[in-house]
Full PDB file with SEQRES, HELIX, SHEET, SSBOND, CRYST1, ORIGX, SCALE, CONECT and MASTER records, all heavy atoms in Angstrom:
SEQRES   1 A   36  THR ASP TRP GLN ARG GLY ASN PHE TRP ARG ALA ILE ARG          
SEQRES   2 A   36  GLU LEU ILE GLY THR ALA ASP ARG ILE GLY ILE GLU GLY          
SEQRES   3 A   36  ASP HIS LEU THR LEU GLN ALA ARG SER ALA                      
HELIX    1 AA1 ASN A    7  ILE A   16  1                                  10    
HELIX    2 AA2 LEU A   31  SER A   35  1                                   5    
CRYST1    1.000    1.000    1.000  90.00  90.00  90.00 P 1           1          
ORIGX1      1.000000  0.000000  0.000000        0.00000                         
ORIGX2      0.000000  1.000000  0.000000        0.00000                         
ORIGX3      0.000000  0.000000  1.000000        0.00000                         
SCALE1      1.000000  0.000000  0.000000        0.00000                         
SCALE2      0.000000  1.000000  0.000000        0.00000                         
SCALE3      0.000000  0.000000  1.000000        0.00000                         
ATOM      1  N   THR A   1     -11.535  -1.168   6.344  1.00  0.00           N  
ATOM      2  CA  THR A   1     -12.342  -0.389   7.285  1.00  0.00           C  
ATOM      3  C   THR A   1     -11.652   0.913   7.663  1.00  0.00           C  
ATOM      4  O   THR A   1     -10.450   1.095   7.452  1.00  0.00           O  
ATOM      5  CB  THR A   1     -12.604  -1.201   8.564  1.00  0.00           C  
ATOM      6  OG1 THR A   1     -11.355  -1.464   9.212  1.00  0.00           O  
ATOM      7  CG2 THR A   1     -13.299  -2.523   8.244  1.00  0.00           C  
ATOM      8  N   ASP A   2     -12.443   1.808   8.262  1.00  0.00           N  
ATOM      9  CA  ASP A   2     -11.944   3.129   8.662  1.00  0.00           C  
ATOM     10  C   ASP A   2     -11.516   3.192  10.130  1.00  0.00           C  
ATOM     11  O   ASP A   2     -11.212   4.265  10.635  1.00  0.00           O  
ATOM     12  CB  ASP A   2     -13.038   4.193   8.443  1.00  0.00           C  
ATOM     13  CG  ASP A   2     -13.197   4.584   6.984  1.00  0.00           C  
ATOM     14  OD1 ASP A   2     -12.321   4.231   6.182  1.00  0.00           O  
ATOM     15  OD2 ASP A   2     -14.210   5.230   6.649  1.00  0.00           O  
ATOM     16  N   TRP A   3     -11.495   2.064  10.817  1.00  0.00           N  
ATOM     17  CA  TRP A   3     -11.289   2.112  12.263  1.00  0.00           C  
ATOM     18  C   TRP A   3      -9.886   2.594  12.629  1.00  0.00           C  
ATOM     19  O   TRP A   3      -9.681   3.161  13.702  1.00  0.00           O  
ATOM     20  CB  TRP A   3     -11.519   0.746  12.895  1.00  0.00           C  
ATOM     21  CG  TRP A   3     -12.637  -0.084  12.340  1.00  0.00           C  
ATOM     22  CD1 TRP A   3     -12.622  -1.436  12.143  1.00  0.00           C  
ATOM     23  CD2 TRP A   3     -13.940   0.337  11.923  1.00  0.00           C  
ATOM     24  NE1 TRP A   3     -13.802  -1.877  11.631  1.00  0.00           N  
ATOM     25  CE2 TRP A   3     -14.645  -0.798  11.480  1.00  0.00           C  
ATOM     26  CE3 TRP A   3     -14.587   1.578  11.861  1.00  0.00           C  
ATOM     27  CZ2 TRP A   3     -15.945  -0.760  11.005  1.00  0.00           C  
ATOM     28  CZ3 TRP A   3     -15.890   1.626  11.383  1.00  0.00           C  
ATOM     29  CH2 TRP A   3     -16.561   0.479  10.964  1.00  0.00           C  
ATOM     30  N   GLN A   4      -8.930   2.329  11.746  1.00  0.00           N  
ATOM     31  CA  GLN A   4      -7.553   2.773  11.983  1.00  0.00           C  
ATOM     32  C   GLN A   4      -6.985   3.333  10.685  1.00  0.00           C  
ATOM     33  O   GLN A   4      -7.244   2.790   9.609  1.00  0.00           O  
ATOM     34  CB  GLN A   4      -6.644   1.612  12.409  1.00  0.00           C  
ATOM     35  CG  GLN A   4      -6.961   0.921  13.694  1.00  0.00           C  
ATOM     36  CD  GLN A   4      -5.925  -0.156  13.950  1.00  0.00           C  
ATOM     37  OE1 GLN A   4      -4.824   0.119  14.430  1.00  0.00           O  
ATOM     38  NE2 GLN A   4      -6.265  -1.398  13.644  1.00  0.00           N  
ATOM     39  N   ARG A   5      -6.178   4.373  10.802  1.00  0.00           N  
ATOM     40  CA  ARG A   5      -5.448   4.846   9.629  1.00  0.00           C  
ATOM     41  C   ARG A   5      -4.487   3.736   9.183  1.00  0.00           C  
ATOM     42  O   ARG A   5      -3.863   3.083  10.001  1.00  0.00           O  
ATOM     43  CB  ARG A   5      -4.659   6.113   9.955  1.00  0.00           C  
ATOM     44  CG  ARG A   5      -5.539   7.318  10.242  1.00  0.00           C  
ATOM     45  CD  ARG A   5      -4.708   8.577  10.398  1.00  0.00           C  
ATOM     46  NE  ARG A   5      -5.546   9.719  10.743  1.00  0.00           N  
ATOM     47  CZ  ARG A   5      -6.210  10.454   9.867  1.00  0.00           C  
ATOM     48  NH1 ARG A   5      -6.127  10.151   8.572  1.00  0.00           N  
ATOM     49  NH2 ARG A   5      -6.955  11.478  10.257  1.00  0.00           N  
ATOM     50  N   GLY A   6      -4.382   3.581   7.891  1.00  0.00           N  
ATOM     51  CA  GLY A   6      -3.462   2.578   7.372  1.00  0.00           C  
ATOM     52  C   GLY A   6      -4.088   1.232   7.083  1.00  0.00           C  
ATOM     53  O   GLY A   6      -3.398   0.328   6.605  1.00  0.00           O  
ATOM     54  N   ASN A   7      -5.396   1.078   7.334  1.00  0.00           N  
ATOM     55  CA  ASN A   7      -6.016  -0.225   7.066  1.00  0.00           C  
ATOM     56  C   ASN A   7      -5.998  -0.586   5.583  1.00  0.00           C  
ATOM     57  O   ASN A   7      -5.927  -1.760   5.218  1.00  0.00           O  
ATOM     58  CB  ASN A   7      -7.451  -0.253   7.593  1.00  0.00           C  
ATOM     59  CG  ASN A   7      -7.512  -0.476   9.094  1.00  0.00           C  
ATOM     60  OD1 ASN A   7      -6.487  -0.763   9.732  1.00  0.00           O  
ATOM     61  ND2 ASN A   7      -8.698  -0.354   9.677  1.00  0.00           N  
ATOM     62  N   PHE A   8      -6.082   0.420   4.732  1.00  0.00           N  
ATOM     63  CA  PHE A   8      -5.960   0.168   3.291  1.00  0.00           C  
ATOM     64  C   PHE A   8      -4.645  -0.545   2.993  1.00  0.00           C  
ATOM     65  O   PHE A   8      -4.608  -1.559   2.278  1.00  0.00           O  
ATOM     66  CB  PHE A   8      -6.037   1.493   2.533  1.00  0.00           C  
ATOM     67  CG  PHE A   8      -5.699   1.418   1.074  1.00  0.00           C  
ATOM     68  CD1 PHE A   8      -6.611   0.944   0.152  1.00  0.00           C  
ATOM     69  CD2 PHE A   8      -4.446   1.834   0.612  1.00  0.00           C  
ATOM     70  CE1 PHE A   8      -6.301   0.889  -1.209  1.00  0.00           C  
ATOM     71  CE2 PHE A   8      -4.131   1.787  -0.739  1.00  0.00           C  
ATOM     72  CZ  PHE A   8      -5.060   1.306  -1.652  1.00  0.00           C  
ATOM     73  N   TRP A   9      -3.558  -0.047   3.573  1.00  0.00           N  
ATOM     74  CA  TRP A   9      -2.241  -0.614   3.296  1.00  0.00           C  
ATOM     75  C   TRP A   9      -2.057  -1.973   3.962  1.00  0.00           C  
ATOM     76  O   TRP A   9      -1.327  -2.822   3.456  1.00  0.00           O  
ATOM     77  CB  TRP A   9      -1.156   0.365   3.733  1.00  0.00           C  
ATOM     78  CG  TRP A   9      -1.250   1.636   2.954  1.00  0.00           C  
ATOM     79  CD1 TRP A   9      -1.743   2.835   3.377  1.00  0.00           C  
ATOM     80  CD2 TRP A   9      -0.894   1.809   1.576  1.00  0.00           C  
ATOM     81  NE1 TRP A   9      -1.725   3.754   2.356  1.00  0.00           N  
ATOM     82  CE2 TRP A   9      -1.199   3.149   1.235  1.00  0.00           C  
ATOM     83  CE3 TRP A   9      -0.346   0.979   0.602  1.00  0.00           C  
ATOM     84  CZ2 TRP A   9      -0.975   3.665  -0.033  1.00  0.00           C  
ATOM     85  CZ3 TRP A   9      -0.121   1.484  -0.667  1.00  0.00           C  
ATOM     86  CH2 TRP A   9      -0.437   2.820  -0.974  1.00  0.00           C  
ATOM     87  N   ARG A  10      -2.748  -2.198   5.061  1.00  0.00           N  
ATOM     88  CA  ARG A  10      -2.702  -3.525   5.689  1.00  0.00           C  
ATOM     89  C   ARG A  10      -3.383  -4.560   4.797  1.00  0.00           C  
ATOM     90  O   ARG A  10      -2.926  -5.707   4.703  1.00  0.00           O  
ATOM     91  CB  ARG A  10      -3.344  -3.457   7.073  1.00  0.00           C  
ATOM     92  CG  ARG A  10      -2.553  -2.574   8.055  1.00  0.00           C  
ATOM     93  CD  ARG A  10      -3.161  -2.532   9.452  1.00  0.00           C  
ATOM     94  NE  ARG A  10      -2.343  -1.638  10.285  1.00  0.00           N  
ATOM     95  CZ  ARG A  10      -2.618  -0.358  10.522  1.00  0.00           C  
ATOM     96  NH1 ARG A  10      -3.727   0.187   9.996  1.00  0.00           N  
ATOM     97  NH2 ARG A  10      -1.824   0.389  11.271  1.00  0.00           N  
ATOM     98  N   ALA A  11      -4.472  -4.146   4.147  1.00  0.00           N  
ATOM     99  CA  ALA A  11      -5.128  -5.046   3.196  1.00  0.00           C  
ATOM    100  C   ALA A  11      -4.216  -5.343   2.008  1.00  0.00           C  
ATOM    101  O   ALA A  11      -4.130  -6.484   1.543  1.00  0.00           O  
ATOM    102  CB  ALA A  11      -6.447  -4.437   2.723  1.00  0.00           C  
ATOM    103  N   ILE A  12      -3.531  -4.316   1.527  1.00  0.00           N  
ATOM    104  CA  ILE A  12      -2.588  -4.503   0.420  1.00  0.00           C  
ATOM    105  C   ILE A  12      -1.511  -5.504   0.811  1.00  0.00           C  
ATOM    106  O   ILE A  12      -1.151  -6.407   0.047  1.00  0.00           O  
ATOM    107  CB  ILE A  12      -1.946  -3.157   0.024  1.00  0.00           C  
ATOM    108  CG1 ILE A  12      -2.988  -2.146  -0.466  1.00  0.00           C  
ATOM    109  CG2 ILE A  12      -0.842  -3.366  -1.019  1.00  0.00           C  
ATOM    110  CD1 ILE A  12      -3.742  -2.549  -1.685  1.00  0.00           C  
ATOM    111  N   ARG A  13      -0.987  -5.352   2.019  1.00  0.00           N  
ATOM    112  CA  ARG A  13       0.077  -6.248   2.496  1.00  0.00           C  
ATOM    113  C   ARG A  13      -0.374  -7.700   2.458  1.00  0.00           C  
ATOM    114  O   ARG A  13       0.389  -8.590   2.035  1.00  0.00           O  
ATOM    115  CB  ARG A  13       0.460  -5.856   3.922  1.00  0.00           C  
ATOM    116  CG  ARG A  13       1.473  -6.769   4.610  1.00  0.00           C  
ATOM    117  CD  ARG A  13       2.875  -6.591   4.044  1.00  0.00           C  
ATOM    118  NE  ARG A  13       3.202  -7.552   2.987  1.00  0.00           N  
ATOM    119  CZ  ARG A  13       4.368  -7.567   2.342  1.00  0.00           C  
ATOM    120  NH1 ARG A  13       5.294  -6.669   2.603  1.00  0.00           N  
ATOM    121  NH2 ARG A  13       4.606  -8.459   1.413  1.00  0.00           N  
ATOM    122  N   GLU A  14      -1.594  -7.960   2.891  1.00  0.00           N  
ATOM    123  CA  GLU A  14      -2.072  -9.342   2.894  1.00  0.00           C  
ATOM    124  C   GLU A  14      -2.206  -9.882   1.474  1.00  0.00           C  
ATOM    125  O   GLU A  14      -1.881 -11.043   1.202  1.00  0.00           O  
ATOM    126  CB  GLU A  14      -3.406  -9.439   3.621  1.00  0.00           C  
ATOM    127  CG  GLU A  14      -3.948 -10.869   3.671  1.00  0.00           C  
ATOM    128  CD  GLU A  14      -5.162 -10.998   4.560  1.00  0.00           C  
ATOM    129  OE1 GLU A  14      -5.063 -10.648   5.755  1.00  0.00           O  
ATOM    130  OE2 GLU A  14      -6.210 -11.459   4.051  1.00  0.00           O  
ATOM    131  N   LEU A  15      -2.673  -9.046   0.566  1.00  0.00           N  
ATOM    132  CA  LEU A  15      -2.894  -9.512  -0.804  1.00  0.00           C  
ATOM    133  C   LEU A  15      -1.594  -9.802  -1.546  1.00  0.00           C  
ATOM    134  O   LEU A  15      -1.548 -10.696  -2.392  1.00  0.00           O  
ATOM    135  CB  LEU A  15      -3.715  -8.477  -1.577  1.00  0.00           C  
ATOM    136  CG  LEU A  15      -5.191  -8.371  -1.181  1.00  0.00           C  
ATOM    137  CD1 LEU A  15      -5.836  -7.172  -1.840  1.00  0.00           C  
ATOM    138  CD2 LEU A  15      -5.936  -9.649  -1.554  1.00  0.00           C  
ATOM    139  N   ILE A  16      -0.546  -9.057  -1.267  1.00  0.00           N  
ATOM    140  CA  ILE A  16       0.704  -9.284  -2.000  1.00  0.00           C  
ATOM    141  C   ILE A  16       1.583 -10.325  -1.322  1.00  0.00           C  
ATOM    142  O   ILE A  16       2.637 -10.684  -1.858  1.00  0.00           O  
ATOM    143  CB  ILE A  16       1.493  -7.972  -2.181  1.00  0.00           C  
ATOM    144  CG1 ILE A  16       1.890  -7.374  -0.827  1.00  0.00           C  
ATOM    145  CG2 ILE A  16       0.695  -6.978  -3.004  1.00  0.00           C  
ATOM    146  CD1 ILE A  16       2.697  -6.112  -0.960  1.00  0.00           C  
ATOM    147  N   GLY A  17       1.157 -10.829  -0.168  1.00  0.00           N  
ATOM    148  CA  GLY A  17       1.896 -11.899   0.486  1.00  0.00           C  
ATOM    149  C   GLY A  17       3.260 -11.456   0.973  1.00  0.00           C  
ATOM    150  O   GLY A  17       3.414 -10.377   1.544  1.00  0.00           O  
ATOM    151  N   THR A  18       4.248 -12.269   0.697  1.00  0.00           N  
ATOM    152  CA  THR A  18       5.597 -12.001   1.215  1.00  0.00           C  
ATOM    153  C   THR A  18       6.446 -11.155   0.270  1.00  0.00           C  
ATOM    154  O   THR A  18       7.609 -10.874   0.570  1.00  0.00           O  
ATOM    155  CB  THR A  18       6.323 -13.331   1.469  1.00  0.00           C  
ATOM    156  OG1 THR A  18       6.402 -14.063   0.234  1.00  0.00           O  
ATOM    157  CG2 THR A  18       5.576 -14.159   2.508  1.00  0.00           C  
ATOM    158  N   ALA A  19       5.888 -10.730  -0.841  1.00  0.00           N  
ATOM    159  CA  ALA A  19       6.672  -9.964  -1.822  1.00  0.00           C  
ATOM    160  C   ALA A  19       7.201  -8.672  -1.211  1.00  0.00           C  
ATOM    161  O   ALA A  19       6.505  -7.993  -0.455  1.00  0.00           O  
ATOM    162  CB  ALA A  19       5.808  -9.645  -3.031  1.00  0.00           C  
ATOM    163  N   ASP A  20       8.442  -8.334  -1.531  1.00  0.00           N  
ATOM    164  CA  ASP A  20       8.999  -7.048  -1.098  1.00  0.00           C  
ATOM    165  C   ASP A  20       9.350  -6.162  -2.291  1.00  0.00           C  
ATOM    166  O   ASP A  20       9.932  -5.092  -2.139  1.00  0.00           O  
ATOM    167  CB  ASP A  20      10.217  -7.245  -0.203  1.00  0.00           C  
ATOM    168  CG  ASP A  20      11.370  -7.931  -0.923  1.00  0.00           C  
ATOM    169  OD1 ASP A  20      11.191  -8.309  -2.108  1.00  0.00           O  
ATOM    170  OD2 ASP A  20      12.435  -8.092  -0.311  1.00  0.00           O  
ATOM    171  N   ARG A  21       8.949  -6.617  -3.495  1.00  0.00           N  
ATOM    172  CA  ARG A  21       9.200  -5.869  -4.725  1.00  0.00           C  
ATOM    173  C   ARG A  21       7.960  -5.990  -5.603  1.00  0.00           C  
ATOM    174  O   ARG A  21       7.597  -7.104  -5.997  1.00  0.00           O  
ATOM    175  CB  ARG A  21      10.430  -6.421  -5.435  1.00  0.00           C  
ATOM    176  CG  ARG A  21      10.812  -5.692  -6.723  1.00  0.00           C  
ATOM    177  CD  ARG A  21      12.134  -6.262  -7.261  1.00  0.00           C  
ATOM    178  NE  ARG A  21      12.604  -5.558  -8.432  1.00  0.00           N  
ATOM    179  CZ  ARG A  21      12.294  -5.909  -9.690  1.00  0.00           C  
ATOM    180  NH1 ARG A  21      11.515  -6.966  -9.916  1.00  0.00           N  
ATOM    181  NH2 ARG A  21      12.759  -5.206 -10.714  1.00  0.00           N  
ATOM    182  N   ILE A  22       7.312  -4.873  -5.906  1.00  0.00           N  
ATOM    183  CA  ILE A  22       6.074  -4.914  -6.687  1.00  0.00           C  
ATOM    184  C   ILE A  22       6.066  -3.815  -7.732  1.00  0.00           C  
ATOM    185  O   ILE A  22       6.853  -2.871  -7.677  1.00  0.00           O  
ATOM    186  CB  ILE A  22       4.831  -4.776  -5.785  1.00  0.00           C  
ATOM    187  CG1 ILE A  22       4.779  -3.377  -5.145  1.00  0.00           C  
ATOM    188  CG2 ILE A  22       4.787  -5.871  -4.725  1.00  0.00           C  
ATOM    189  CD1 ILE A  22       3.457  -3.080  -4.465  1.00  0.00           C  
ATOM    190  N   GLY A  23       5.145  -3.916  -8.670  1.00  0.00           N  
ATOM    191  CA  GLY A  23       4.937  -2.869  -9.657  1.00  0.00           C  
ATOM    192  C   GLY A  23       3.923  -1.856  -9.156  1.00  0.00           C  
ATOM    193  O   GLY A  23       2.942  -2.222  -8.489  1.00  0.00           O  
ATOM    194  N   ILE A  24       4.152  -0.596  -9.468  1.00  0.00           N  
ATOM    195  CA  ILE A  24       3.235   0.483  -9.089  1.00  0.00           C  
ATOM    196  C   ILE A  24       3.088   1.439 -10.264  1.00  0.00           C  
ATOM    197  O   ILE A  24       3.766   1.314 -11.281  1.00  0.00           O  
ATOM    198  CB  ILE A  24       3.723   1.246  -7.825  1.00  0.00           C  
ATOM    199  CG1 ILE A  24       5.150   1.793  -8.033  1.00  0.00           C  
ATOM    200  CG2 ILE A  24       3.688   0.328  -6.613  1.00  0.00           C  
ATOM    201  CD1 ILE A  24       5.251   3.175  -8.587  1.00  0.00           C  
ATOM    202  N   GLU A  25       2.201   2.421 -10.114  1.00  0.00           N  
ATOM    203  CA  GLU A  25       2.023   3.458 -11.123  1.00  0.00           C  
ATOM    204  C   GLU A  25       2.790   4.703 -10.692  1.00  0.00           C  
ATOM    205  O   GLU A  25       2.350   5.446  -9.822  1.00  0.00           O  
ATOM    206  CB  GLU A  25       0.543   3.795 -11.289  1.00  0.00           C  
ATOM    207  CG  GLU A  25      -0.293   2.642 -11.815  1.00  0.00           C  
ATOM    208  CD  GLU A  25      -1.763   2.987 -11.837  1.00  0.00           C  
ATOM    209  OE1 GLU A  25      -2.208   3.643 -12.806  1.00  0.00           O  
ATOM    210  OE2 GLU A  25      -2.472   2.608 -10.886  1.00  0.00           O  
ATOM    211  N   GLY A  26       3.923   4.922 -11.312  1.00  0.00           N  
ATOM    212  CA  GLY A  26       4.761   6.051 -10.938  1.00  0.00           C  
ATOM    213  C   GLY A  26       4.127   7.402 -11.190  1.00  0.00           C  
ATOM    214  O   GLY A  26       4.492   8.391 -10.552  1.00  0.00           O  
ATOM    215  N   ASP A  27       3.160   7.450 -12.096  1.00  0.00           N  
ATOM    216  CA  ASP A  27       2.484   8.718 -12.388  1.00  0.00           C  
ATOM    217  C   ASP A  27       1.242   8.920 -11.532  1.00  0.00           C  
ATOM    218  O   ASP A  27       0.500   9.885 -11.728  1.00  0.00           O  
ATOM    219  CB  ASP A  27       2.125   8.817 -13.870  1.00  0.00           C  
ATOM    220  CG  ASP A  27       1.227   7.674 -14.342  1.00  0.00           C  
ATOM    221  OD1 ASP A  27       0.916   6.779 -13.536  1.00  0.00           O  
ATOM    222  OD2 ASP A  27       0.848   7.674 -15.532  1.00  0.00           O  
ATOM    223  N   HIS A  28       1.011   8.034 -10.559  1.00  0.00           N  
ATOM    224  CA  HIS A  28      -0.174   8.161  -9.721  1.00  0.00           C  
ATOM    225  C   HIS A  28       0.108   8.021  -8.235  1.00  0.00           C  
ATOM    226  O   HIS A  28      -0.574   8.627  -7.410  1.00  0.00           O  
ATOM    227  CB  HIS A  28      -1.237   7.133 -10.135  1.00  0.00           C  
ATOM    228  CG  HIS A  28      -2.583   7.377  -9.534  1.00  0.00           C  
ATOM    229  ND1 HIS A  28      -3.013   6.781  -8.368  1.00  0.00           N  
ATOM    230  CD2 HIS A  28      -3.598   8.181  -9.940  1.00  0.00           C  
ATOM    231  CE1 HIS A  28      -4.227   7.207  -8.075  1.00  0.00           C  
ATOM    232  NE2 HIS A  28      -4.610   8.050  -9.018  1.00  0.00           N  
ATOM    233  N   LEU A  29       1.087   7.227  -7.863  1.00  0.00           N  
ATOM    234  CA  LEU A  29       1.390   6.997  -6.452  1.00  0.00           C  
ATOM    235  C   LEU A  29       2.026   8.251  -5.854  1.00  0.00           C  
ATOM    236  O   LEU A  29       3.099   8.678  -6.266  1.00  0.00           O  
ATOM    237  CB  LEU A  29       2.334   5.803  -6.305  1.00  0.00           C  
ATOM    238  CG  LEU A  29       2.439   5.201  -4.905  1.00  0.00           C  
ATOM    239  CD1 LEU A  29       1.167   4.423  -4.569  1.00  0.00           C  
ATOM    240  CD2 LEU A  29       3.653   4.286  -4.803  1.00  0.00           C  
ATOM    241  N   THR A  30       1.375   8.851  -4.867  1.00  0.00           N  
ATOM    242  CA  THR A  30       1.881  10.076  -4.253  1.00  0.00           C  
ATOM    243  C   THR A  30       3.032   9.768  -3.303  1.00  0.00           C  
ATOM    244  O   THR A  30       3.260   8.621  -2.913  1.00  0.00           O  
ATOM    245  CB  THR A  30       0.771  10.791  -3.473  1.00  0.00           C  
ATOM    246  OG1 THR A  30       0.379   9.955  -2.369  1.00  0.00           O  
ATOM    247  CG2 THR A  30      -0.433  11.077  -4.364  1.00  0.00           C  
ATOM    248  N   LEU A  31       3.740  10.815  -2.885  1.00  0.00           N  
ATOM    249  CA  LEU A  31       4.814  10.634  -1.908  1.00  0.00           C  
ATOM    250  C   LEU A  31       4.261  10.084  -0.601  1.00  0.00           C  
ATOM    251  O   LEU A  31       4.894   9.236   0.045  1.00  0.00           O  
ATOM    252  CB  LEU A  31       5.529  11.964  -1.671  1.00  0.00           C  
ATOM    253  CG  LEU A  31       6.376  12.492  -2.829  1.00  0.00           C  
ATOM    254  CD1 LEU A  31       6.904  13.881  -2.507  1.00  0.00           C  
ATOM    255  CD2 LEU A  31       7.529  11.544  -3.138  1.00  0.00           C  
ATOM    256  N   GLN A  32       3.091  10.561  -0.197  1.00  0.00           N  
ATOM    257  CA  GLN A  32       2.473  10.068   1.030  1.00  0.00           C  
ATOM    258  C   GLN A  32       2.137   8.579   0.910  1.00  0.00           C  
ATOM    259  O   GLN A  32       2.394   7.789   1.837  1.00  0.00           O  
ATOM    260  CB  GLN A  32       1.205  10.862   1.326  1.00  0.00           C  
ATOM    261  CG  GLN A  32       0.510  10.486   2.625  1.00  0.00           C  
ATOM    262  CD  GLN A  32      -0.769  11.280   2.831  1.00  0.00           C  
ATOM    263  OE1 GLN A  32      -1.573  11.425   1.896  1.00  0.00           O  
ATOM    264  NE2 GLN A  32      -0.969  11.807   4.030  1.00  0.00           N  
ATOM    265  N   ALA A  33       1.579   8.190  -0.233  1.00  0.00           N  
ATOM    266  CA  ALA A  33       1.258   6.787  -0.446  1.00  0.00           C  
ATOM    267  C   ALA A  33       2.521   5.935  -0.522  1.00  0.00           C  
ATOM    268  O   ALA A  33       2.559   4.810  -0.015  1.00  0.00           O  
ATOM    269  CB  ALA A  33       0.427   6.630  -1.716  1.00  0.00           C  
ATOM    270  N   ARG A  34       3.553   6.484  -1.137  1.00  0.00           N  
ATOM    271  CA  ARG A  34       4.827   5.741  -1.220  1.00  0.00           C  
ATOM    272  C   ARG A  34       5.377   5.472   0.177  1.00  0.00           C  
ATOM    273  O   ARG A  34       5.882   4.380   0.460  1.00  0.00           O  
ATOM    274  CB  ARG A  34       5.835   6.562  -2.041  1.00  0.00           C  
ATOM    275  CG  ARG A  34       7.239   5.968  -2.095  1.00  0.00           C  
ATOM    276  CD  ARG A  34       7.258   4.669  -2.875  1.00  0.00           C  
ATOM    277  NE  ARG A  34       8.571   4.052  -2.885  1.00  0.00           N  
ATOM    278  CZ  ARG A  34       9.001   3.162  -1.992  1.00  0.00           C  
ATOM    279  NH1 ARG A  34       8.201   2.804  -0.991  1.00  0.00           N  
ATOM    280  NH2 ARG A  34      10.195   2.630  -2.087  1.00  0.00           N  
ATOM    281  N   SER A  35       5.279   6.441   1.058  1.00  0.00           N  
ATOM    282  CA  SER A  35       5.751   6.268   2.430  1.00  0.00           C  
ATOM    283  C   SER A  35       4.948   5.193   3.152  1.00  0.00           C  
ATOM    284  O   SER A  35       5.511   4.338   3.849  1.00  0.00           O  
ATOM    285  CB  SER A  35       5.662   7.596   3.176  1.00  0.00           C  
ATOM    286  OG  SER A  35       6.046   7.447   4.521  1.00  0.00           O  
ATOM    287  N   ALA A  36       3.607   5.214   2.986  1.00  0.00           N  
ATOM    288  CA  ALA A  36       2.760   4.207   3.629  1.00  0.00           C  
ATOM    289  C   ALA A  36       3.030   2.823   3.070  1.00  0.00           C  
ATOM    290  O   ALA A  36       3.001   1.824   3.804  1.00  0.00           O  
ATOM    291  CB  ALA A  36       1.291   4.578   3.442  1.00  0.00           C  
TER     292      ALA A  36                                                      
MASTER        0    0    0    2    0    0    0    6  291    1    0    3          
END                                                                             
C-alpha cells in the first residue's frame, strides 16, 4: 500500500523471512533502493 513510504520494503522483509543475505540484481538495484 501507499499509506507509508517504505511499505514495499516491509513486504519484502516479510517474504524473505529471517534471511540477512540475499541475491539481488546489481545492474538494476539503485543506491536509494540499496539503502532501503
